[in-house]
Amino acid sequence: MLANGTAGTGISAHKRADDLSDFSDELDMIEALGVESIELPTYDMDLVVGGRIRRPQLEALKRATVGRDVGFSVHGPLAINFMDEAFRLPRHLEVLEASLEIAAEVGAENYIMHSGLTPLQQGHGIEAAYGRQREWLAKAGEIARQHGLFLCVETLFAGYDGKIHASSPSRLARELEAIAHPNVVATLDFSHAYLKLDFDGRRDDFVGEIKALAPYARHLHMHDSFGRQDDIWMFTEGERLAYGHGDLHLPVGWGDIPWETLMAECSFPEGVLFNIELKQRYWYAAQETVDATKALADKAQVIGQARAA
């Protein structure tokens, strides 16, 4: 932990070869950027097969990570969804349990999973989905506690067709408060929240919404955007960049997220990690992004343990 109470700055790795034979090279490159932590994309590493850990692949990952001077976090399967229909929830938990075991074996502290999504429907149906999520996140929190992990539930946006419901940051904060499990906290993805609020016509509420979730957010996803909907046809990613549309995962400072205001107004829990999620297209600006993120992390206001504790 750094002097100001943060865990410093991290960045998400990208998988190279499917058998992970060159993943050490990826981690070497990232360590050279001077970060304190690396987020491992275990959701795309063929580590879990039918709910069971594939041990040879996990050993390959452990060979790449062992003995390094950085910490690790893990981003597990994006499809895990505790707002899903009740009959599928045991399958989601089975995959999550295997993924948490993997995170523990590579020495991670934070395990990142997405918050729930549910079809847009009448309010009673949405509230029932929240009830399912609270129940199953509490179960998952106990598994995380047994492994010495924090389960960090990430803010999402629901896309651009108006058919799916995703939590606002303040609603996710209320859900975490209701669960009240010390190992169930938040991953605050600023760009995801920006896109969600823009879609809902609540762009002006962005800073207030972020402030509501920040005390629960042990893990941050740092990348920039303009919060604009990706709602017209584009031929190339370069065109999407030109318009500033969508979840761009830009270098910090390229979009218009008000980072300085957020650092001045938000309070984060002790041990908060500023983890960069940079699209591989923009990796040529990785050092620039690390430096900008470190400057923001230095200004962070830390209040103690995560609110859910």
C-alpha atoms as a PDB file:
ATOM      1  CA  MET A   1       0.000   0.000   0.000  1.00  0.00           C
ATOM      2  CA  LEU A   2       1.268   3.477  -0.854  1.00  0.00           C
ATOM      3  CA  ALA A   3       1.640   6.368   1.556  1.00  0.00           C
ATOM      4  CA  ASN A   4      -1.733   7.922   0.663  1.00  0.00           C
ATOM      5  CA  GLY A   5      -3.599   4.677   1.401  1.00  0.00           C
ATOM      6  CA  THR A   6      -4.088   3.520  -2.188  1.00  0.00           C
ATOM      7  CA  ALA A   7      -2.720   0.282  -3.632  1.00  0.00           C
ATOM      8  CA  GLY A   8      -1.265   2.286  -6.510  1.00  0.00           C
ATOM      9  CA  THR A   9      -1.774   1.821 -10.233  1.00  0.00           C
ATOM     10  CA  GLY A  10      -2.287  -1.333 -12.262  1.00  0.00           C
ATOM     11  CA  ILE A  11      -3.038  -2.219 -15.852  1.00  0.00           C
ATOM     12  CA  SER A  12      -4.900  -5.099 -17.490  1.00  0.00           C
ATOM     13  CA  ALA A  13      -2.842  -7.610 -19.461  1.00  0.00           C
ATOM     14  CA  HIS A  14      -3.813  -9.020 -22.843  1.00  0.00           C
ATOM     15  CA  LYS A  15      -3.576 -12.696 -23.679  1.00  0.00           C
ATOM     16  CA  ARG A  16      -1.192 -13.555 -26.514  1.00  0.00           C
ATOM     17  CA  ALA A  17      -0.826 -17.258 -27.411  1.00  0.00           C
ATOM     18  CA  ASP A  18      -3.765 -19.424 -26.413  1.00  0.00           C
ATOM     19  CA  ASP A  19      -1.513 -21.870 -24.564  1.00  0.00           C
ATOM     20  CA  LEU A  20      -0.035 -18.954 -22.534  1.00  0.00           C
ATOM     21  CA  SER A  21       3.467 -19.941 -23.652  1.00  0.00           C
ATOM     22  CA  ASP A  22       4.423 -16.286 -24.195  1.00  0.00           C
ATOM     23  CA  PHE A  23       2.396 -14.703 -21.403  1.00  0.00           C
ATOM     24  CA  SER A  24       5.589 -14.039 -19.438  1.00  0.00           C
ATOM     25  CA  ASP A  25       6.616 -11.649 -22.205  1.00  0.00           C
ATOM     26  CA  GLU A  26       3.356  -9.738 -21.769  1.00  0.00           C
ATOM     27  CA  LEU A  27       3.924  -9.432 -18.039  1.00  0.00           C
ATOM     28  CA  ASP A  28       7.564  -8.374 -18.531  1.00  0.00           C
ATOM     29  CA  MET A  29       6.395  -5.578 -20.820  1.00  0.00           C
ATOM     30  CA  ILE A  30       3.798  -4.418 -18.292  1.00  0.00           C
ATOM     31  CA  GLU A  31       6.196  -4.492 -15.349  1.00  0.00           C
ATOM     32  CA  ALA A  32       8.509  -2.192 -17.304  1.00  0.00           C
ATOM     33  CA  LEU A  33       5.759   0.463 -17.229  1.00  0.00           C
ATOM     34  CA  GLY A  34       6.291   0.851 -13.476  1.00  0.00           C
ATOM     35  CA  VAL A  35       2.889  -0.296 -12.226  1.00  0.00           C
ATOM     36  CA  GLU A  36       2.204  -1.843  -8.843  1.00  0.00           C
ATOM     37  CA  SER A  37      -0.340  -4.401 -10.067  1.00  0.00           C
ATOM     38  CA  ILE A  38      -1.486  -6.345 -13.142  1.00  0.00           C
ATOM     39  CA  GLU A  39      -5.051  -7.459 -13.862  1.00  0.00           C
ATOM     40  CA  LEU A  40      -5.167 -10.930 -15.394  1.00  0.00           C
ATOM     41  CA  PRO A  41      -7.890 -11.628 -18.010  1.00  0.00           C
ATOM     42  CA  THR A  42      -8.665 -15.149 -16.830  1.00  0.00           C
ATOM     43  CA  TYR A  43     -12.047 -14.980 -18.583  1.00  0.00           C
ATOM     44  CA  ASP A  44     -10.229 -15.581 -21.889  1.00  0.00           C
ATOM     45  CA  MET A  45      -7.546 -18.100 -20.930  1.00  0.00           C
ATOM     46  CA  ASP A  46      -9.294 -21.505 -21.187  1.00  0.00           C
ATOM     47  CA  LEU A  47      -8.755 -22.036 -17.470  1.00  0.00           C
ATOM     48  CA  VAL A  48     -12.251 -23.319 -16.683  1.00  0.00           C
ATOM     49  CA  VAL A  49     -13.853 -26.081 -18.740  1.00  0.00           C
ATOM     50  CA  GLY A  50     -17.438 -27.008 -17.927  1.00  0.00           C
ATOM     51  CA  GLY A  51     -17.144 -25.497 -14.467  1.00  0.00           C
ATOM     52  CA  ARG A  52     -13.889 -27.305 -13.617  1.00  0.00           C
ATOM     53  CA  ILE A  53     -10.358 -25.946 -13.498  1.00  0.00           C
ATOM     54  CA  ARG A  54      -8.065 -27.108 -16.273  1.00  0.00           C
ATOM     55  CA  ARG A  55      -4.942 -27.692 -14.222  1.00  0.00           C
ATOM     56  CA  PRO A  56      -2.254 -27.755 -16.960  1.00  0.00           C
ATOM     57  CA  GLN A  57      -3.426 -24.342 -18.181  1.00  0.00           C
ATOM     58  CA  LEU A  58      -3.474 -22.954 -14.654  1.00  0.00           C
ATOM     59  CA  GLU A  59       0.075 -24.193 -14.114  1.00  0.00           C
ATOM     60  CA  ALA A  60       1.129 -22.349 -17.288  1.00  0.00           C
ATOM     61  CA  LEU A  61      -0.398 -19.163 -15.893  1.00  0.00           C
ATOM     62  CA  LYS A  62       1.302 -19.649 -12.545  1.00  0.00           C
ATOM     63  CA  ARG A  63       4.684 -20.133 -14.214  1.00  0.00           C
ATOM     64  CA  ALA A  64       4.227 -16.753 -15.902  1.00  0.00           C
ATOM     65  CA  THR A  65       3.176 -14.931 -12.730  1.00  0.00           C
ATOM     66  CA  VAL A  66       5.402 -16.424 -10.030  1.00  0.00           C
ATOM     67  CA  GLY A  67       8.201 -14.386  -8.469  1.00  0.00           C
ATOM     68  CA  ARG A  68       7.188 -10.990  -9.797  1.00  0.00           C
ATOM     69  CA  ASP A  69       7.413  -7.657  -7.996  1.00  0.00           C
ATOM     70  CA  VAL A  70       3.790  -6.716  -8.672  1.00  0.00           C
ATOM     71  CA  GLY A  71       0.442  -7.641  -7.196  1.00  0.00           C
ATOM     72  CA  PHE A  72      -2.332  -9.247  -9.195  1.00  0.00           C
ATOM     73  CA  SER A  73      -6.049  -8.883  -9.650  1.00  0.00           C
ATOM     74  CA  VAL A  74      -8.217 -11.189 -11.747  1.00  0.00           C
ATOM     75  CA  HIS A  75     -11.122 -10.460 -14.088  1.00  0.00           C
ATOM     76  CA  GLY A  76     -13.234 -13.595 -14.315  1.00  0.00           C
ATOM     77  CA  PRO A  77     -15.871 -14.581 -16.889  1.00  0.00           C
ATOM     78  CA  LEU A  78     -18.021 -11.686 -18.019  1.00  0.00           C
ATOM     79  CA  ALA A  79     -21.062 -13.940 -18.494  1.00  0.00           C
ATOM     80  CA  ILE A  80     -21.554 -14.592 -14.755  1.00  0.00           C
ATOM     81  CA  ASN A  81     -24.895 -12.916 -14.051  1.00  0.00           C
ATOM     82  CA  PHE A  82     -26.751 -13.281 -10.759  1.00  0.00           C
ATOM     83  CA  MET A  83     -29.746 -11.400 -12.173  1.00  0.00           C
ATOM     84  CA  ASP A  84     -30.282 -14.292 -14.589  1.00  0.00           C
ATOM     85  CA  GLU A  85     -33.211 -16.710 -14.397  1.00  0.00           C
ATOM     86  CA  ALA A  86     -33.168 -18.748 -11.192  1.00  0.00           C
ATOM     87  CA  PHE A  87     -32.596 -22.116 -12.892  1.00  0.00           C
ATOM     88  CA  ARG A  88     -29.237 -20.936 -14.287  1.00  0.00           C
ATOM     89  CA  LEU A  89     -27.842 -19.406 -11.110  1.00  0.00           C
ATOM     90  CA  PRO A  90     -26.156 -22.598  -9.817  1.00  0.00           C
ATOM     91  CA  ARG A  91     -24.246 -22.831 -13.100  1.00  0.00           C
ATOM     92  CA  HIS A  92     -23.068 -19.228 -12.735  1.00  0.00           C
ATOM     93  CA  LEU A  93     -21.926 -19.951  -9.180  1.00  0.00           C
ATOM     94  CA  GLU A  94     -20.081 -23.088 -10.307  1.00  0.00           C
ATOM     95  CA  VAL A  95     -18.061 -21.074 -12.827  1.00  0.00           C
ATOM     96  CA  LEU A  96     -17.474 -18.299 -10.310  1.00  0.00           C
ATOM     97  CA  GLU A  97     -16.274 -20.735  -7.644  1.00  0.00           C
ATOM     98  CA  ALA A  98     -13.699 -22.231 -10.011  1.00  0.00           C
ATOM     99  CA  SER A  99     -12.629 -18.750 -11.095  1.00  0.00           C
ATOM    100  CA  LEU A 100     -12.194 -17.603  -7.499  1.00  0.00           C
ATOM    101  CA  GLU A 101      -9.990 -20.610  -6.789  1.00  0.00           C
ATOM    102  CA  ILE A 102      -7.828 -19.667  -9.772  1.00  0.00           C
ATOM    103  CA  ALA A 103      -7.551 -16.086  -8.503  1.00  0.00           C
ATOM    104  CA  ALA A 104      -6.445 -17.315  -5.096  1.00  0.00           C
ATOM    105  CA  GLU A 105      -3.828 -19.647  -6.579  1.00  0.00           C
ATOM    106  CA  VAL A 106      -2.149 -16.823  -8.524  1.00  0.00           C
ATOM    107  CA  GLY A 107      -2.085 -14.648  -5.401  1.00  0.00           C
ATOM    108  CA  ALA A 108      -4.694 -12.078  -6.402  1.00  0.00           C
ATOM    109  CA  GLU A 109      -6.453  -9.851  -3.878  1.00  0.00           C
ATOM    110  CA  ASN A 110      -9.296  -8.493  -6.009  1.00  0.00           C
ATOM    111  CA  TYR A 111     -11.579 -10.610  -8.186  1.00  0.00           C
ATOM    112  CA  ILE A 112     -13.629  -8.592 -10.671  1.00  0.00           C
ATOM    113  CA  MET A 113     -17.049  -9.733 -11.853  1.00  0.00           C
ATOM    114  CA  HIS A 114     -19.744  -7.841 -13.724  1.00  0.00           C
ATOM    115  CA  SER A 115     -22.888  -6.649 -12.022  1.00  0.00           C
ATOM    116  CA  GLY A 116     -26.112  -8.234 -13.177  1.00  0.00           C
ATOM    117  CA  LEU A 117     -28.146  -7.550 -16.295  1.00  0.00           C
ATOM    118  CA  THR A 118     -31.816  -8.368 -16.788  1.00  0.00           C
ATOM    119  CA  PRO A 119     -34.314  -7.792 -19.606  1.00  0.00           C
ATOM    120  CA  LEU A 120     -36.148  -4.493 -19.316  1.00  0.00           C
ATOM    121  CA  GLN A 121     -39.558  -5.316 -17.857  1.00  0.00           C
ATOM    122  CA  GLN A 122     -42.084  -4.124 -15.314  1.00  0.00           C
ATOM    123  CA  GLY A 123     -40.642  -2.998 -12.013  1.00  0.00           C
ATOM    124  CA  HIS A 124     -41.611  -6.086 -10.026  1.00  0.00           C
ATOM    125  CA  GLY A 125     -39.582  -8.255 -12.394  1.00  0.00           C
ATOM    126  CA  ILE A 126     -36.526  -6.029 -12.122  1.00  0.00           C
ATOM    127  CA  GLU A 127     -36.757  -5.958  -8.328  1.00  0.00           C
ATOM    128  CA  ALA A 128     -37.005  -9.764  -8.259  1.00  0.00           C
ATOM    129  CA  ALA A 129     -33.783  -9.895 -10.284  1.00  0.00           C
ATOM    130  CA  TYR A 130     -32.091  -7.624  -7.737  1.00  0.00           C
ATOM    131  CA  GLY A 131     -33.290  -9.952  -4.992  1.00  0.00           C
ATOM    132  CA  ARG A 132     -31.696 -12.925  -6.730  1.00  0.00           C
ATOM    133  CA  GLN A 133     -28.463 -11.000  -7.161  1.00  0.00           C
ATOM    134  CA  ARG A 134     -28.298 -10.044  -3.477  1.00  0.00           C
ATOM    135  CA  GLU A 135     -28.836 -13.640  -2.387  1.00  0.00           C
ATOM    136  CA  TRP A 136     -26.234 -15.119  -4.700  1.00  0.00           C
ATOM    137  CA  LEU A 137     -23.651 -12.372  -4.235  1.00  0.00           C
ATOM    138  CA  ALA A 138     -23.836 -13.037  -0.501  1.00  0.00           C
ATOM    139  CA  LYS A 139     -23.104 -16.718  -1.188  1.00  0.00           C
ATOM    140  CA  ALA A 140     -20.270 -15.751  -3.514  1.00  0.00           C
ATOM    141  CA  GLY A 141     -18.900 -13.379  -0.894  1.00  0.00           C
ATOM    142  CA  GLU A 142     -18.509 -16.274   1.533  1.00  0.00           C
ATOM    143  CA  ILE A 143     -16.551 -18.250  -1.058  1.00  0.00           C
ATOM    144  CA  ALA A 144     -14.381 -15.199  -1.734  1.00  0.00           C
ATOM    145  CA  ARG A 145     -13.790 -14.762   2.010  1.00  0.00           C
ATOM    146  CA  GLN A 146     -12.625 -18.373   2.305  1.00  0.00           C
ATOM    147  CA  HIS A 147     -10.058 -17.688  -0.424  1.00  0.00           C
ATOM    148  CA  GLY A 148      -8.942 -14.359   1.060  1.00  0.00           C
ATOM    149  CA  LEU A 149     -10.357 -12.408  -1.891  1.00  0.00           C
ATOM    150  CA  PHE A 150     -12.469  -9.319  -2.397  1.00  0.00           C
ATOM    151  CA  LEU A 151     -15.339  -9.834  -4.831  1.00  0.00           C
ATOM    152  CA  CYS A 152     -15.444  -6.538  -6.739  1.00  0.00           C
ATOM    153  CA  VAL A 153     -18.747  -6.049  -8.583  1.00  0.00           C
ATOM    154  CA  GLU A 154     -18.325  -3.872 -11.664  1.00  0.00           C
ATOM    155  CA  THR A 155     -20.570  -1.109 -12.966  1.00  0.00           C
ATOM    156  CA  LEU A 156     -22.004  -1.824 -16.413  1.00  0.00           C
ATOM    157  CA  PHE A 157     -24.001  -0.176 -19.146  1.00  0.00           C
ATOM    158  CA  ALA A 158     -26.681  -2.140 -20.965  1.00  0.00           C
ATOM    159  CA  GLY A 159     -26.073  -1.341 -24.614  1.00  0.00           C
ATOM    160  CA  TYR A 160     -27.942   0.959 -26.908  1.00  0.00           C
ATOM    161  CA  ASP A 161     -31.223  -0.738 -27.810  1.00  0.00           C
ATOM    162  CA  GLY A 162     -33.146  -0.111 -24.587  1.00  0.00           C
ATOM    163  CA  LYS A 163     -33.888  -3.804 -23.978  1.00  0.00           C
ATOM    164  CA  ILE A 164     -31.633  -4.520 -20.976  1.00  0.00           C
ATOM    165  CA  HIS A 165     -31.511  -3.066 -17.461  1.00  0.00           C
ATOM    166  CA  ALA A 166     -28.185  -2.336 -15.747  1.00  0.00           C
ATOM    167  CA  SER A 167     -27.617  -0.741 -12.348  1.00  0.00           C
ATOM    168  CA  SER A 168     -26.678   2.877 -11.968  1.00  0.00           C
ATOM    169  CA  PRO A 169     -23.689   3.463  -9.679  1.00  0.00           C
ATOM    170  CA  SER A 170     -25.910   4.674  -6.852  1.00  0.00           C
ATOM    171  CA  ARG A 171     -28.205   1.641  -7.167  1.00  0.00           C
ATOM    172  CA  LEU A 172     -25.197  -0.679  -7.055  1.00  0.00           C
ATOM    173  CA  ALA A 173     -24.055   1.149  -3.904  1.00  0.00           C
ATOM    174  CA  ARG A 174     -27.462   0.519  -2.287  1.00  0.00           C
ATOM    175  CA  GLU A 175     -27.299  -3.154  -3.247  1.00  0.00           C
ATOM    176  CA  LEU A 176     -23.842  -3.555  -1.700  1.00  0.00           C
ATOM    177  CA  GLU A 177     -25.053  -1.815   1.442  1.00  0.00           C
ATOM    178  CA  ALA A 178     -27.986  -4.235   1.633  1.00  0.00           C
ATOM    179  CA  ILE A 179     -25.730  -7.287   1.133  1.00  0.00           C
ATOM    180  CA  ALA A 180     -23.367  -5.926   3.811  1.00  0.00           C
ATOM    181  CA  HIS A 181     -20.728  -8.600   3.299  1.00  0.00           C
ATOM    182  CA  PRO A 182     -17.138  -7.488   4.028  1.00  0.00           C
ATOM    183  CA  ASN A 183     -15.793  -9.281   0.943  1.00  0.00           C
ATOM    184  CA  VAL A 184     -18.402  -7.963  -1.532  1.00  0.00           C
ATOM    185  CA  VAL A 185     -17.364  -4.528  -2.740  1.00  0.00           C
ATOM    186  CA  ALA A 186     -17.304  -2.637  -6.056  1.00  0.00           C
ATOM    187  CA  THR A 187     -15.292  -2.171  -9.191  1.00  0.00           C
ATOM    188  CA  LEU A 188     -16.069   1.330 -10.363  1.00  0.00           C
ATOM    189  CA  ASP A 189     -15.717   1.510 -14.138  1.00  0.00           C
ATOM    190  CA  PHE A 190     -16.021   5.237 -14.795  1.00  0.00           C
ATOM    191  CA  SER A 191     -16.648   4.941 -18.522  1.00  0.00           C
ATOM    192  CA  HIS A 192     -19.313   2.265 -18.113  1.00  0.00           C
ATOM    193  CA  ALA A 193     -21.111   4.511 -15.630  1.00  0.00           C
ATOM    194  CA  TYR A 194     -20.804   7.486 -17.999  1.00  0.00           C
ATOM    195  CA  LEU A 195     -22.391   5.523 -20.847  1.00  0.00           C
ATOM    196  CA  LYS A 196     -25.178   4.201 -18.602  1.00  0.00           C
ATOM    197  CA  LEU A 197     -26.121   7.661 -17.351  1.00  0.00           C
ATOM    198  CA  ASP A 198     -25.922   9.222 -20.811  1.00  0.00           C
ATOM    199  CA  PHE A 199     -28.326   6.567 -22.157  1.00  0.00           C
ATOM    200  CA  ASP A 200     -30.730   7.296 -19.297  1.00  0.00           C
ATOM    201  CA  GLY A 201     -30.614  11.047 -19.960  1.00  0.00           C
ATOM    202  CA  ARG A 202     -28.828  11.643 -16.650  1.00  0.00           C
ATOM    203  CA  ARG A 203     -25.430  12.783 -17.858  1.00  0.00           C
ATOM    204  CA  ASP A 204     -25.513  15.751 -15.466  1.00  0.00           C
ATOM    205  CA  ASP A 205     -25.761  13.330 -12.520  1.00  0.00           C
ATOM    206  CA  PHE A 206     -22.436  11.647 -13.345  1.00  0.00           C
ATOM    207  CA  VAL A 207     -20.273  13.127 -10.571  1.00  0.00           C
ATOM    208  CA  GLY A 208     -22.955  12.605  -7.923  1.00  0.00           C
ATOM    209  CA  GLU A 209     -23.516   9.009  -8.996  1.00  0.00           C
ATOM    210  CA  ILE A 210     -19.787   8.268  -8.879  1.00  0.00           C
ATOM    211  CA  LYS A 211     -19.554   9.840  -5.419  1.00  0.00           C
ATOM    212  CA  ALA A 212     -22.270   7.471  -4.198  1.00  0.00           C
ATOM    213  CA  LEU A 213     -20.361   4.341  -5.226  1.00  0.00           C
ATOM    214  CA  ALA A 214     -16.790   5.494  -4.572  1.00  0.00           C
ATOM    215  CA  PRO A 215     -16.745   4.511  -0.841  1.00  0.00           C
ATOM    216  CA  TYR A 216     -17.470   0.898  -1.847  1.00  0.00           C
ATOM    217  CA  ALA A 217     -14.991   0.810  -4.735  1.00  0.00           C
ATOM    218  CA  ARG A 218     -11.834  -1.084  -3.800  1.00  0.00           C
ATOM    219  CA  HIS A 219     -11.064  -1.535  -7.509  1.00  0.00           C
ATOM    220  CA  LEU A 220     -11.272   1.106 -10.250  1.00  0.00           C
ATOM    221  CA  HIS A 221     -11.259   0.635 -14.002  1.00  0.00           C
ATOM    222  CA  MET A 222      -9.473   3.588 -15.515  1.00  0.00           C
ATOM    223  CA  HIS A 223     -10.052   4.368 -19.190  1.00  0.00           C
ATOM    224  CA  ASP A 224     -11.557   7.313 -20.979  1.00  0.00           C
ATOM    225  CA  SER A 225     -14.527   7.955 -23.233  1.00  0.00           C
ATOM    226  CA  PHE A 226     -17.081  10.622 -24.105  1.00  0.00           C
ATOM    227  CA  GLY A 227     -20.086   8.741 -22.707  1.00  0.00           C
ATOM    228  CA  ARG A 228     -21.760   8.817 -26.132  1.00  0.00           C
ATOM    229  CA  GLN A 229     -23.978   6.046 -27.416  1.00  0.00           C
ATOM    230  CA  ASP A 230     -22.589   3.772 -30.128  1.00  0.00           C
ATOM    231  CA  ASP A 231     -25.848   4.003 -32.015  1.00  0.00           C
ATOM    232  CA  ILE A 232     -24.896   4.575 -35.658  1.00  0.00           C
ATOM    233  CA  TRP A 233     -23.102   2.323 -38.108  1.00  0.00           C
ATOM    234  CA  MET A 234     -19.309   2.662 -38.211  1.00  0.00           C
ATOM    235  CA  PHE A 235     -16.937   1.018 -40.676  1.00  0.00           C
ATOM    236  CA  THR A 236     -13.736   1.126 -38.585  1.00  0.00           C
ATOM    237  CA  GLU A 237     -12.644   1.598 -35.001  1.00  0.00           C
ATOM    238  CA  GLY A 238     -10.944   4.786 -36.186  1.00  0.00           C
ATOM    239  CA  GLU A 239     -14.340   6.170 -37.182  1.00  0.00           C
ATOM    240  CA  ARG A 240     -15.737   5.302 -33.766  1.00  0.00           C
ATOM    241  CA  LEU A 241     -12.824   7.208 -32.250  1.00  0.00           C
ATOM    242  CA  ALA A 242     -13.481  10.186 -34.528  1.00  0.00           C
ATOM    243  CA  TYR A 243     -17.094  10.375 -33.352  1.00  0.00           C
ATOM    244  CA  GLY A 244     -16.232   9.551 -29.742  1.00  0.00           C
ATOM    245  CA  HIS A 245     -18.905   6.860 -29.617  1.00  0.00           C
ATOM    246  CA  GLY A 246     -19.088   3.861 -27.317  1.00  0.00           C
ATOM    247  CA  ASP A 247     -16.963   2.071 -24.737  1.00  0.00           C
ATOM    248  CA  LEU A 248     -13.681   3.152 -26.309  1.00  0.00           C
ATOM    249  CA  HIS A 249     -11.214   2.192 -23.545  1.00  0.00           C
ATOM    250  CA  LEU A 250      -9.107   5.217 -24.402  1.00  0.00           C
ATOM    251  CA  PRO A 251      -5.965   6.438 -22.657  1.00  0.00           C
ATOM    252  CA  VAL A 252      -6.824   8.560 -19.625  1.00  0.00           C
ATOM    253  CA  GLY A 253      -7.090  12.168 -20.770  1.00  0.00           C
ATOM    254  CA  TRP A 254      -8.223  11.446 -24.337  1.00  0.00           C
ATOM    255  CA  GLY A 255     -11.941  11.610 -23.517  1.00  0.00           C
ATOM    256  CA  ASP A 256     -13.924  14.077 -21.423  1.00  0.00           C
ATOM    257  CA  ILE A 257     -14.443  12.238 -18.128  1.00  0.00           C
ATOM    258  CA  PRO A 258     -13.868  14.958 -15.467  1.00  0.00           C
ATOM    259  CA  TRP A 259     -11.057  13.156 -13.664  1.00  0.00           C
ATOM    260  CA  GLU A 260      -9.804  16.107 -11.621  1.00  0.00           C
ATOM    261  CA  THR A 261     -13.303  16.852 -10.320  1.00  0.00           C
ATOM    262  CA  LEU A 262     -13.820  13.207  -9.405  1.00  0.00           C
ATOM    263  CA  MET A 263     -10.570  13.042  -7.461  1.00  0.00           C
ATOM    264  CA  ALA A 264     -11.490  16.244  -5.617  1.00  0.00           C
ATOM    265  CA  GLU A 265     -15.047  15.176  -4.704  1.00  0.00           C
ATOM    266  CA  CYS A 266     -14.910  11.381  -4.239  1.00  0.00           C
ATOM    267  CA  SER A 267     -13.699   9.381  -1.254  1.00  0.00           C
ATOM    268  CA  PHE A 268     -12.345   5.880  -1.852  1.00  0.00           C
ATOM    269  CA  PRO A 269     -11.625   3.022   0.569  1.00  0.00           C
ATOM    270  CA  GLU A 270      -8.167   2.210   1.830  1.00  0.00           C
ATOM    271  CA  GLY A 271      -6.343  -0.072  -0.588  1.00  0.00           C
ATOM    272  CA  VAL A 272      -8.183   1.177  -3.664  1.00  0.00           C
ATOM    273  CA  LEU A 273      -6.429   0.126  -6.868  1.00  0.00           C
ATOM    274  CA  PHE A 274      -6.398   2.360  -9.958  1.00  0.00           C
ATOM    275  CA  ASN A 275      -6.359  -0.286 -12.693  1.00  0.00           C
ATOM    276  CA  ILE A 276      -6.112   0.803 -16.328  1.00  0.00           C
ATOM    277  CA  GLU A 277      -8.146  -1.040 -18.961  1.00  0.00           C
ATOM    278  CA  LEU A 278      -6.564   0.106 -22.209  1.00  0.00           C
ATOM    279  CA  LYS A 279      -7.696  -1.195 -25.574  1.00  0.00           C
ATOM    280  CA  GLN A 280      -4.815  -2.941 -27.313  1.00  0.00           C
ATOM    281  CA  ARG A 281      -5.177  -0.552 -30.261  1.00  0.00           C
ATOM    282  CA  TYR A 282      -3.925   2.291 -28.020  1.00  0.00           C
ATOM    283  CA  TRP A 283      -1.114   0.409 -26.304  1.00  0.00           C
ATOM    284  CA  TYR A 284       1.391   2.771 -27.902  1.00  0.00           C
ATOM    285  CA  ALA A 285       0.116   5.290 -25.318  1.00  0.00           C
ATOM    286  CA  ALA A 286       0.425   2.886 -22.362  1.00  0.00           C
ATOM    287  CA  GLN A 287       3.206   4.767 -20.585  1.00  0.00           C
ATOM    288  CA  GLU A 288       1.367   8.057 -21.067  1.00  0.00           C
ATOM    289  CA  THR A 289      -1.728   6.455 -19.535  1.00  0.00           C
ATOM    290  CA  VAL A 290       0.163   4.958 -16.592  1.00  0.00           C
ATOM    291  CA  ASP A 291       1.733   8.333 -15.817  1.00  0.00           C
ATOM    292  CA  ALA A 292      -1.620  10.149 -16.024  1.00  0.00           C
ATOM    293  CA  THR A 293      -3.287   7.542 -13.815  1.00  0.00           C
ATOM    294  CA  LYS A 294      -0.512   7.668 -11.224  1.00  0.00           C
ATOM    295  CA  ALA A 295      -0.999  11.436 -11.027  1.00  0.00           C
ATOM    296  CA  LEU A 296      -4.702  10.928 -10.344  1.00  0.00           C
ATOM    297  CA  ALA A 297      -4.059   8.188  -7.788  1.00  0.00           C
ATOM    298  CA  ASP A 298      -1.732  10.557  -5.932  1.00  0.00           C
ATOM    299  CA  LYS A 299      -4.678  12.942  -5.497  1.00  0.00           C
ATOM    300  CA  ALA A 300      -7.152  10.315  -4.299  1.00  0.00           C
ATOM    301  CA  GLN A 301      -8.948  10.841  -0.993  1.00  0.00           C
ATOM    302  CA  VAL A 302      -8.920   7.667   1.103  1.00  0.00           C
ATOM    303  CA  ILE A 303     -11.405   7.191   3.972  1.00  0.00           C
ATOM    304  CA  GLY A 304     -10.645   3.769   5.490  1.00  0.00           C
ATOM    305  CA  GLN A 305     -12.052   0.334   4.717  1.00  0.00           C
ATOM    306  CA  ALA A 306     -14.569  -0.252   1.955  1.00  0.00           C
ATOM    307  CA  ARG A 307     -18.069   0.763   3.084  1.00  0.00           C
ATOM    308  CA  ALA A 308     -19.440  -2.771   2.783  1.00  0.00           C
ATOM    309  CA  ALA A 309     -17.047  -4.033   5.476  1.00  0.00           C
END
